[in-house]
Amino acid sequence: MPMKQRSRDGKLIEGADGQDRLLAALYGSAFGRLLLKPLTMPGLSRAAGWFLSTKVSKVFIKPFIRSNHIDMSQFEPVEYESYNDFFSRRIRPEARPVDMDPRHLISPADSKLTVLPVTETGRFTLKHTAYTVGSLLKDPTLAAEYVGGWALIFRLTVDDYHRYCYAFDAEKGENVAIPGKLHTVNPIANDFFPIYKENAREYTILHTREFGKVIAMEVGALLVGKIVNHHGPSSVQRGQEKGYFQFGGSTVVMLLKQDTAVIDDDILENSRNGIETVVKFGEKIGIAK
């Protein structure tokens, strides 16, 4: 079943949409999972990405805007060359003001946020599925540093703004790519596959003054064949664009060490109750400890 969502003003958002119902039918049956198998292969996502970067794909833009009720007045007025060009569109800066208080933890993206504690064994549990930070990073030594900390899971759906920013002023390390499959990141799939262990992903280490050594990770998803990160090792600033996803839902994961941050109460309460919190790019979600 899809997770419930709650806005920051406390409004509960319920009800599965057409995409949820289709994914539930596919992932919920052996035959459906058999049909999905080729779709999760990176090669097909690359082929889909190629098509969605052609001029022909522009025909899908207007129907998508209508069906997802997207307010295009928030975005820069440009002529899109392809569907992927539209999908990675830029928002007007005034539509997403960034909280610039260095002690405030901000959301790197428009998304549905779940915050989970990392246990003494390095585990966190999402929708009844246990993950380890070690399996996520493929680096047990690095993973051990985040025992007792927080795993912040920012799930982007197709109607979200698909560019993401740095949440801190930081010294950024190398981008580390981990190849894998491309399941949907909809929570429905998590009932059947450990998606964050299997999906293609990329992470970097951010050395920050207020929050210590933070890991920022992007996770690919069904028909998202490309994660585009702009920078290698460099000095980066809070609110600066880090990168973007091409077509599909996708996820940003942030790992914080123990005793570095206090997450906002409403987000923790929602997460304890299995409810995602709807957050926006640049919005405060916690504070340095």
Protein backbone atom coordinates (compact mmCIF):
# COMPACT_ATOMS: atom_id res chain seq x y z
CA MET A 1 0.00 0.00 0.00
CA PRO A 2 1.20 3.56 -0.69
CA MET A 3 2.34 5.59 2.32
CA LYS A 4 0.16 8.41 3.61
CA GLN A 5 1.52 11.94 3.42
CA ARG A 6 1.09 15.02 5.59
CA SER A 7 1.79 18.66 4.75
CA ARG A 8 3.80 20.87 7.12
CA ASP A 9 0.53 22.54 8.23
CA GLY A 10 -0.77 19.14 9.39
CA LYS A 11 -3.12 18.28 6.54
CA LEU A 12 -3.29 14.52 5.86
CA ILE A 13 -3.13 13.53 2.19
CA GLU A 14 -4.63 10.13 1.41
CA GLY A 15 -5.75 8.12 -1.58
CA ALA A 16 -3.83 6.14 -4.18
CA ASP A 17 -3.54 7.69 -7.64
CA GLY A 18 -3.53 5.83 -10.95
CA GLN A 19 0.23 5.28 -10.81
CA ASP A 20 -0.04 3.80 -7.30
CA ARG A 21 -2.78 1.41 -8.40
CA LEU A 22 -0.82 0.28 -11.47
CA LEU A 23 2.38 -0.29 -9.49
CA ALA A 24 0.48 -2.16 -6.77
CA ALA A 25 -0.97 -4.48 -9.41
CA LEU A 26 2.41 -5.08 -11.04
CA TYR A 27 4.55 -5.51 -7.92
CA GLY A 28 1.77 -7.38 -6.08
CA SER A 29 1.59 -10.36 -8.45
CA ALA A 30 4.17 -12.86 -9.68
CA PHE A 31 3.14 -12.23 -13.29
CA GLY A 32 3.41 -8.46 -12.83
CA ARG A 33 6.89 -8.77 -11.33
CA LEU A 34 7.87 -10.91 -14.32
CA LEU A 35 6.68 -8.14 -16.66
CA LEU A 36 8.61 -5.56 -14.64
CA LYS A 37 11.91 -7.46 -14.77
CA PRO A 38 13.09 -6.03 -18.12
CA LEU A 39 11.86 -2.55 -17.16
CA THR A 40 14.23 -2.44 -14.17
CA MET A 41 17.31 -3.06 -16.32
CA PRO A 42 19.45 0.08 -16.83
CA GLY A 43 19.65 -0.53 -20.60
CA LEU A 44 15.91 -0.02 -21.06
CA SER A 45 15.99 3.11 -18.93
CA ARG A 46 18.80 4.45 -21.11
CA ALA A 47 16.73 3.70 -24.23
CA ALA A 48 13.69 5.42 -22.71
CA GLY A 49 15.89 8.35 -21.74
CA TRP A 50 17.15 8.62 -25.33
CA PHE A 51 13.59 8.76 -26.68
CA LEU A 52 12.48 11.30 -24.07
CA SER A 53 15.37 13.55 -25.15
CA THR A 54 14.12 13.70 -28.76
CA LYS A 55 11.91 16.47 -30.18
CA VAL A 56 9.12 13.93 -30.83
CA SER A 57 8.69 13.49 -27.06
CA LYS A 58 7.45 17.08 -26.73
CA VAL A 59 3.90 15.80 -27.41
CA PHE A 60 3.81 14.36 -23.86
CA ILE A 61 4.47 17.67 -22.10
CA LYS A 62 1.02 19.31 -22.13
CA PRO A 63 -0.91 16.14 -21.13
CA PHE A 64 1.55 15.62 -18.25
CA ILE A 65 1.05 19.19 -17.01
CA ARG A 66 -2.73 18.77 -17.10
CA SER A 67 -2.87 15.34 -15.45
CA ASN A 68 -0.51 16.36 -12.61
CA HIS A 69 -1.98 19.87 -12.09
CA ILE A 70 1.45 21.53 -12.34
CA ASP A 71 1.49 25.31 -11.83
CA MET A 72 3.82 26.37 -14.64
CA SER A 73 3.83 30.00 -13.45
CA GLN A 74 6.43 28.88 -10.86
CA PHE A 75 8.90 27.89 -13.58
CA GLU A 76 11.16 29.85 -15.90
CA PRO A 77 9.33 30.60 -19.19
CA VAL A 78 11.28 28.73 -21.88
CA GLU A 79 10.54 26.70 -25.01
CA TYR A 80 11.26 23.05 -24.14
CA GLU A 81 13.16 21.03 -26.74
CA SER A 82 12.10 17.59 -25.43
CA TYR A 83 10.20 15.89 -22.63
CA ASN A 84 13.41 15.48 -20.61
CA ASP A 85 14.14 19.16 -21.13
CA PHE A 86 10.74 19.89 -19.60
CA PHE A 87 11.15 17.31 -16.83
CA SER A 88 14.39 18.91 -15.61
CA ARG A 89 12.92 22.43 -15.93
CA ARG A 90 14.23 25.20 -13.66
CA ILE A 91 12.01 26.86 -11.10
CA ARG A 92 11.98 30.62 -10.50
CA PRO A 93 14.33 31.32 -7.55
CA GLU A 94 11.65 33.33 -5.73
CA ALA A 95 9.34 30.27 -5.82
CA ARG A 96 11.81 28.28 -3.66
CA PRO A 97 13.48 30.63 -1.17
CA VAL A 98 16.37 28.94 0.65
CA ASP A 99 16.67 29.24 4.44
CA MET A 100 20.21 30.58 4.72
CA ASP A 101 20.66 30.21 8.52
CA PRO A 102 23.77 27.97 8.68
CA ARG A 103 22.44 26.16 11.77
CA HIS A 104 19.23 25.17 10.01
CA LEU A 105 19.04 21.82 8.23
CA ILE A 106 17.20 22.29 4.93
CA SER A 107 15.54 19.99 2.44
CA PRO A 108 17.63 19.56 -0.73
CA ALA A 109 14.54 18.93 -2.87
CA ASP A 110 10.78 19.08 -3.27
CA SER A 111 9.88 15.64 -1.95
CA LYS A 112 8.09 13.37 0.50
CA LEU A 113 10.39 12.96 3.52
CA THR A 114 10.82 10.05 5.93
CA VAL A 115 13.43 10.28 8.73
CA LEU A 116 14.61 7.02 10.30
CA PRO A 117 17.08 6.30 13.13
CA VAL A 118 20.14 4.21 12.29
CA THR A 119 20.41 1.52 14.96
CA GLU A 120 23.49 0.23 16.77
CA THR A 121 23.72 -2.52 14.14
CA GLY A 122 23.70 0.10 11.36
CA ARG A 123 20.12 -0.70 10.33
CA PHE A 124 17.12 1.43 9.48
CA THR A 125 13.67 0.08 8.61
CA LEU A 126 11.52 1.49 5.82
CA LYS A 127 8.01 0.09 5.42
CA HIS A 128 8.86 -3.22 7.16
CA THR A 129 12.05 -3.73 5.14
CA ALA A 130 15.36 -3.52 7.04
CA TYR A 131 18.35 -1.93 5.33
CA THR A 132 21.90 -1.49 6.51
CA VAL A 133 23.97 1.60 5.81
CA GLY A 134 26.71 -0.80 4.75
CA SER A 135 24.57 -2.31 1.97
CA LEU A 136 23.54 1.17 0.88
CA LEU A 137 27.12 2.50 0.62
CA LYS A 138 28.94 -0.76 -0.17
CA ASP A 139 31.55 0.50 2.31
CA PRO A 140 31.29 -1.02 5.83
CA THR A 141 34.01 1.21 7.31
CA LEU A 142 32.32 4.41 6.17
CA ALA A 143 28.89 3.06 7.15
CA ALA A 144 30.01 2.42 10.73
CA GLU A 145 30.47 6.17 11.23
CA TYR A 146 26.69 6.69 10.92
CA VAL A 147 25.57 4.22 13.61
CA GLY A 148 23.19 6.05 15.95
CA GLY A 149 22.55 8.82 13.43
CA TRP A 150 19.72 9.55 11.01
CA ALA A 151 18.78 8.37 7.52
CA LEU A 152 16.71 11.04 5.74
CA ILE A 153 14.86 9.73 2.70
CA PHE A 154 13.55 12.41 0.31
CA ARG A 155 11.29 10.65 -2.22
CA LEU A 156 10.60 12.62 -5.40
CA THR A 157 7.50 11.75 -7.45
CA VAL A 158 6.96 12.59 -11.11
CA ASP A 159 5.11 15.83 -10.28
CA ASP A 160 7.95 17.18 -8.11
CA TYR A 161 10.67 19.64 -9.10
CA HIS A 162 13.54 17.31 -10.06
CA ARG A 163 16.54 19.53 -9.34
CA TYR A 164 18.23 19.31 -5.93
CA CYS A 165 20.61 21.53 -4.01
CA TYR A 166 23.36 21.36 -1.41
CA ALA A 167 21.88 21.63 2.08
CA PHE A 168 25.11 23.08 3.54
CA ASP A 169 28.21 25.10 2.84
CA ALA A 170 30.70 22.25 2.49
CA GLU A 171 33.87 20.78 1.08
CA LYS A 172 32.63 18.14 -1.36
CA GLY A 173 34.37 14.87 -2.14
CA GLU A 174 34.35 12.59 -5.19
CA ASN A 175 31.10 11.25 -6.66
CA VAL A 176 30.95 7.50 -6.02
CA ALA A 177 28.69 5.60 -8.45
CA ILE A 178 27.17 2.23 -7.49
CA PRO A 179 25.59 0.40 -10.45
CA GLY A 180 22.32 -1.47 -10.07
CA LYS A 181 18.76 -1.98 -11.25
CA LEU A 182 16.10 0.70 -11.49
CA HIS A 183 12.97 -0.24 -9.54
CA THR A 184 10.40 2.43 -8.84
CA VAL A 185 11.07 4.19 -5.52
CA ASN A 186 7.32 4.21 -4.76
CA PRO A 187 6.89 2.57 -1.31
CA ILE A 188 4.72 -0.10 -2.97
CA ALA A 189 7.84 -1.68 -4.48
CA ASN A 190 9.53 -1.79 -1.06
CA ASP A 191 7.09 -4.55 0.00
CA PHE A 192 8.66 -6.86 -2.60
CA PHE A 193 12.21 -5.64 -3.29
CA PRO A 194 14.86 -3.94 -1.11
CA ILE A 195 14.99 -1.09 -3.61
CA TYR A 196 17.75 0.95 -1.95
CA LYS A 197 20.03 -2.11 -1.94
CA GLU A 198 19.36 -2.88 -5.61
CA ASN A 199 18.92 0.46 -7.37
CA ALA A 200 21.65 2.39 -9.16
CA ARG A 201 22.87 5.27 -7.00
CA GLU A 202 25.61 7.85 -6.51
CA TYR A 203 26.91 9.46 -3.33
CA THR A 204 29.41 11.99 -2.09
CA ILE A 205 30.81 13.05 1.30
CA LEU A 206 30.20 16.64 2.40
CA HIS A 207 32.44 18.06 5.13
CA THR A 208 30.40 20.75 6.89
CA ARG A 209 31.06 23.05 9.86
CA GLU A 210 27.64 22.78 11.55
CA PHE A 211 26.68 19.14 10.79
CA GLY A 212 30.01 17.35 10.50
CA LYS A 213 30.62 14.71 7.84
CA VAL A 214 27.39 14.22 5.86
CA ILE A 215 26.66 11.74 3.08
CA ALA A 216 24.41 12.92 0.23
CA MET A 217 23.16 10.20 -2.11
CA GLU A 218 20.96 10.17 -5.21
CA VAL A 219 19.06 6.98 -6.09
CA GLY A 220 17.85 6.22 -9.60
CA ALA A 221 14.40 4.76 -10.24
CA LEU A 222 12.18 3.07 -12.81
CA LEU A 223 12.90 4.72 -16.19
CA VAL A 224 15.32 7.19 -14.58
CA GLY A 225 18.48 6.23 -16.45
CA LYS A 226 20.44 9.34 -15.57
CA ILE A 227 21.51 11.11 -12.38
CA VAL A 228 23.27 14.35 -13.35
CA ASN A 229 25.62 15.78 -10.68
CA HIS A 230 27.41 18.98 -11.63
CA HIS A 231 30.56 19.00 -9.49
CA GLY A 232 33.55 16.92 -8.52
CA PRO A 233 35.60 17.71 -5.40
CA SER A 234 35.12 21.42 -4.65
CA SER A 235 33.81 24.02 -2.21
CA VAL A 236 30.01 24.26 -2.47
CA GLN A 237 27.38 26.53 -0.96
CA ARG A 238 24.01 26.02 0.70
CA GLY A 239 21.21 26.31 -1.87
CA GLN A 240 23.58 25.86 -4.84
CA GLU A 241 22.21 23.39 -7.39
CA LYS A 242 23.90 20.00 -6.93
CA GLY A 243 22.26 18.26 -9.87
CA TYR A 244 19.06 16.88 -11.35
CA PHE A 245 17.22 13.70 -12.32
CA GLN A 246 15.76 12.91 -15.71
CA PHE A 247 12.35 11.29 -16.19
CA GLY A 248 10.64 9.37 -13.39
CA GLY A 249 10.40 9.30 -9.62
CA SER A 250 13.66 9.22 -7.70
CA THR A 251 15.16 9.71 -4.23
CA VAL A 252 17.77 11.72 -2.35
CA VAL A 253 19.16 10.11 0.81
CA MET A 254 21.04 12.08 3.46
CA LEU A 255 22.99 10.38 6.26
CA LEU A 256 23.79 12.35 9.42
CA LYS A 257 26.06 11.22 12.24
CA GLN A 258 24.86 10.81 15.82
CA ASP A 259 24.31 14.01 17.85
CA THR A 260 24.72 16.37 14.91
CA ALA A 261 21.11 17.45 14.27
CA VAL A 262 17.68 17.74 15.84
CA ILE A 263 14.96 16.96 13.29
CA ASP A 264 11.72 18.98 13.44
CA ASP A 265 9.10 17.33 15.67
CA ASP A 266 6.35 17.09 13.06
CA ILE A 267 8.64 15.20 10.67
CA LEU A 268 9.76 12.73 13.36
CA GLU A 269 6.18 12.16 14.53
CA ASN A 270 4.98 11.53 10.98
CA SER A 271 7.88 9.17 10.29
CA ARG A 272 7.17 7.16 13.47
CA ASN A 273 3.60 6.72 12.22
CA GLY A 274 4.61 5.64 8.71
CA ILE A 275 3.58 8.98 7.17
CA GLU A 276 5.74 10.94 4.73
CA THR A 277 6.07 14.71 5.24
CA VAL A 278 5.74 16.91 2.15
CA VAL A 279 8.73 19.30 2.11
CA LYS A 280 10.06 21.86 -0.35
CA PHE A 281 13.51 22.69 -1.76
CA GLY A 282 15.34 24.99 0.71
CA GLU A 283 12.84 24.59 3.57
CA LYS A 284 13.97 24.13 7.20
CA ILE A 285 13.56 20.55 8.46
CA GLY A 286 15.82 20.59 11.53
CA ILE A 287 18.60 22.39 13.39
CA ALA A 288 22.24 21.71 14.33
CA LYS A 289 22.65 20.13 17.77
